[in-house]
C-alpha atoms as a PDB file:
ATOM      1  CA  UNK A   1      44.245  36.375 161.170  1.00  0.00           C
ATOM      2  CA  UNK A   2      45.964  35.925 164.688  1.00  0.00           C
ATOM      3  CA  UNK A   3      44.868  38.966 166.874  1.00  0.00           C
ATOM      4  CA  UNK A   4      48.432  39.216 168.390  1.00  0.00           C
ATOM      5  CA  UNK A   5      49.755  39.754 164.844  1.00  0.00           C
ATOM      6  CA  UNK A   6      47.010  42.444 164.126  1.00  0.00           C
ATOM      7  CA  UNK A   7      47.820  44.189 167.357  1.00  0.00           C
ATOM      8  CA  UNK A   8      51.449  44.199 166.298  1.00  0.00           C
ATOM      9  CA  UNK A   9      50.808  45.565 162.914  1.00  0.00           C
ATOM     10  CA  UNK A  10      48.672  48.407 164.312  1.00  0.00           C
ATOM     11  CA  UNK A  11      51.872  49.728 166.138  1.00  0.00           C
ATOM     12  CA  UNK A  12      53.766  49.864 162.764  1.00  0.00           C
ATOM     13  CA  UNK A  13      52.375  53.268 161.711  1.00  0.00           C
ATOM     14  CA  UNK A  14      52.519  54.624 165.024  1.00  0.00           C
ATOM     15  CA  UNK A  15      56.428  53.891 165.204  1.00  0.00           C
ATOM     16  CA  UNK A  16      56.890  54.494 161.617  1.00  0.00           C
ATOM     17  CA  UNK A  17      58.181  50.923 160.962  1.00  0.00           C
ATOM     18  CA  UNK A  18      57.747  48.400 158.055  1.00  0.00           C
ATOM     19  CA  UNK A  19      58.133  45.234 160.192  1.00  0.00           C
ATOM     20  CA  UNK A  20      59.342  43.541 163.397  1.00  0.00           C
ATOM     21  CA  UNK A  21      61.607  40.729 164.108  1.00  0.00           C
ATOM     22  CA  UNK A  22      60.699  38.264 166.988  1.00  0.00           C
ATOM     23  CA  UNK A  23      63.416  35.871 167.958  1.00  0.00           C
ATOM     24  CA  UNK A  24      63.144  32.604 169.775  1.00  0.00           C
ATOM     25  CA  UNK A  25      65.461  33.957 172.376  1.00  0.00           C
ATOM     26  CA  UNK A  26      64.907  36.410 175.125  1.00  0.00           C
ATOM     27  CA  UNK A  27      66.867  39.653 175.858  1.00  0.00           C
ATOM     28  CA  UNK A  28      69.652  37.735 177.416  1.00  0.00           C
ATOM     29  CA  UNK A  29      69.673  35.206 174.361  1.00  0.00           C
ATOM     30  CA  UNK A  30      68.556  32.413 176.494  1.00  0.00           C
ATOM     31  CA  UNK A  31      67.324  29.582 174.513  1.00  0.00           C
ATOM     32  CA  UNK A  32      64.919  28.232 176.981  1.00  0.00           C
ATOM     33  CA  UNK A  33      63.472  31.353 178.520  1.00  0.00           C
ATOM     34  CA  UNK A  34      60.238  31.606 180.681  1.00  0.00           C
ATOM     35  CA  UNK A  35      58.452  33.792 177.969  1.00  0.00           C
ATOM     36  CA  UNK A  36      58.653  32.350 174.462  1.00  0.00           C
ATOM     37  CA  UNK A  37      57.901  35.291 172.297  1.00  0.00           C
ATOM     38  CA  UNK A  38      58.039  33.221 169.081  1.00  0.00           C
ATOM     39  CA  UNK A  39      55.516  30.661 170.268  1.00  0.00           C
ATOM     40  CA  UNK A  40      53.248  33.628 171.480  1.00  0.00           C
ATOM     41  CA  UNK A  41      53.023  35.203 167.925  1.00  0.00           C
ATOM     42  CA  UNK A  42      53.442  32.191 165.708  1.00  0.00           C
ATOM     43  CA  UNK A  43      52.225  29.085 167.760  1.00  0.00           C
ATOM     44  CA  UNK A  44      55.728  27.376 166.760  1.00  0.00           C
ATOM     45  CA  UNK A  45      57.141  25.329 169.532  1.00  0.00           C
ATOM     46  CA  UNK A  46      60.324  24.230 168.190  1.00  0.00           C
ATOM     47  CA  UNK A  47      63.678  25.380 169.800  1.00  0.00           C
ATOM     48  CA  UNK A  48      64.924  27.388 166.907  1.00  0.00           C
ATOM     49  CA  UNK A  49      63.241  30.087 164.885  1.00  0.00           C
ATOM     50  CA  UNK A  50      62.674  33.752 164.003  1.00  0.00           C
ATOM     51  CA  UNK A  51      59.582  35.448 163.005  1.00  0.00           C
ATOM     52  CA  UNK A  52      59.427  38.320 160.755  1.00  0.00           C
ATOM     53  CA  UNK A  53      56.061  40.330 160.700  1.00  0.00           C
ATOM     54  CA  UNK A  54      55.836  42.781 157.701  1.00  0.00           C
ATOM     55  CA  UNK A  55      52.775  44.796 156.829  1.00  0.00           C
ATOM     56  CA  UNK A  56      51.337  42.192 154.424  1.00  0.00           C
ATOM     57  CA  UNK A  57      53.302  39.015 155.109  1.00  0.00           C
ATOM     58  CA  UNK A  58      54.656  36.865 157.819  1.00  0.00           C
ATOM     59  CA  UNK A  59      57.729  34.844 157.550  1.00  0.00           C
ATOM     60  CA  UNK A  60      58.873  32.008 160.002  1.00  0.00           C
ATOM     61  CA  UNK A  61      62.425  31.045 159.624  1.00  0.00           C
ATOM     62  CA  UNK A  62      63.502  27.738 161.011  1.00  0.00           C
ATOM     63  CA  UNK A  63      66.103  25.095 160.380  1.00  0.00           C
ATOM     64  CA  UNK A  64      65.601  21.829 158.598  1.00  0.00           C
ATOM     65  CA  UNK A  65      64.562  19.852 161.759  1.00  0.00           C
ATOM     66  CA  UNK A  66      61.256  21.887 162.047  1.00  0.00           C
ATOM     67  CA  UNK A  67      60.079  21.937 158.315  1.00  0.00           C
ATOM     68  CA  UNK A  68      57.044  19.719 159.060  1.00  0.00           C
ATOM     69  CA  UNK A  69      56.389  21.079 162.583  1.00  0.00           C
ATOM     70  CA  UNK A  70      56.505  24.637 161.686  1.00  0.00           C
ATOM     71  CA  UNK A  71      54.196  24.093 158.768  1.00  0.00           C
ATOM     72  CA  UNK A  72      51.655  22.299 160.931  1.00  0.00           C
ATOM     73  CA  UNK A  73      51.806  24.817 163.897  1.00  0.00           C
ATOM     74  CA  UNK A  74      52.263  28.161 161.878  1.00  0.00           C
ATOM     75  CA  UNK A  75      51.652  27.607 158.217  1.00  0.00           C
ATOM     76  CA  UNK A  76      48.238  29.100 158.256  1.00  0.00           C
ATOM     77  CA  UNK A  77      49.688  32.552 159.205  1.00  0.00           C
ATOM     78  CA  UNK A  78      53.349  32.348 158.218  1.00  0.00           C
ATOM     79  CA  UNK A  79      55.360  31.534 155.003  1.00  0.00           C
ATOM     80  CA  UNK A  80      57.852  29.067 156.167  1.00  0.00           C
ATOM     81  CA  UNK A  81      61.504  29.387 155.059  1.00  0.00           C
ATOM     82  CA  UNK A  82      64.468  27.184 155.945  1.00  0.00           C
ATOM     83  CA  UNK A  83      67.497  29.014 157.459  1.00  0.00           C
ATOM     84  CA  UNK A  84      69.658  27.963 154.628  1.00  0.00           C
ATOM     85  CA  UNK A  85      67.354  29.733 152.069  1.00  0.00           C
ATOM     86  CA  UNK A  86      67.931  33.262 153.821  1.00  0.00           C
ATOM     87  CA  UNK A  87      70.859  34.124 151.642  1.00  0.00           C
ATOM     88  CA  UNK A  88      68.782  33.664 148.461  1.00  0.00           C
ATOM     89  CA  UNK A  89      65.501  34.927 149.789  1.00  0.00           C
ATOM     90  CA  UNK A  90      64.017  37.881 147.774  1.00  0.00           C
ATOM     91  CA  UNK A  91      62.776  39.352 151.334  1.00  0.00           C
ATOM     92  CA  UNK A  92      66.318  40.622 152.072  1.00  0.00           C
ATOM     93  CA  UNK A  93      67.349  41.781 148.475  1.00  0.00           C
ATOM     94  CA  UNK A  94      66.152  45.339 148.731  1.00  0.00           C
ATOM     95  CA  UNK A  95      67.562  45.670 152.177  1.00  0.00           C
ATOM     96  CA  UNK A  96      70.953  44.631 151.059  1.00  0.00           C
ATOM     97  CA  UNK A  97      70.824  47.225 148.109  1.00  0.00           C
ATOM     98  CA  UNK A  98      70.072  49.895 150.633  1.00  0.00           C
ATOM     99  CA  UNK A  99      72.874  48.850 152.998  1.00  0.00           C
ATOM    100  CA  UNK A 100      75.415  48.941 150.181  1.00  0.00           C
ATOM    101  CA  UNK A 101      74.658  52.795 149.807  1.00  0.00           C
ATOM    102  CA  UNK A 102      76.153  53.284 153.224  1.00  0.00           C
ATOM    103  CA  UNK A 103      79.392  51.593 152.607  1.00  0.00           C
END
């Protein structure tokens, strides 16, 4: 497993979190920033994507342009999911149920 992912997961217990989201954009939402956090953690070099690192699984969300590229660059460490499938993704079903409790 990627040492950077292992290091990130080692922080989950310390900060009492279940996962971490890593966008392509920087703090200022700049698409082409000097530091590409997404590439650092996932090896994905496309211009659009978001990584979700959980305790046991890694997800890489990209748009349809990067289906093959993301699989080649990140497929060993990440489950690749197209943006358009997010609405139907089981990953977010429990989160949505919890959010409904706060309405």
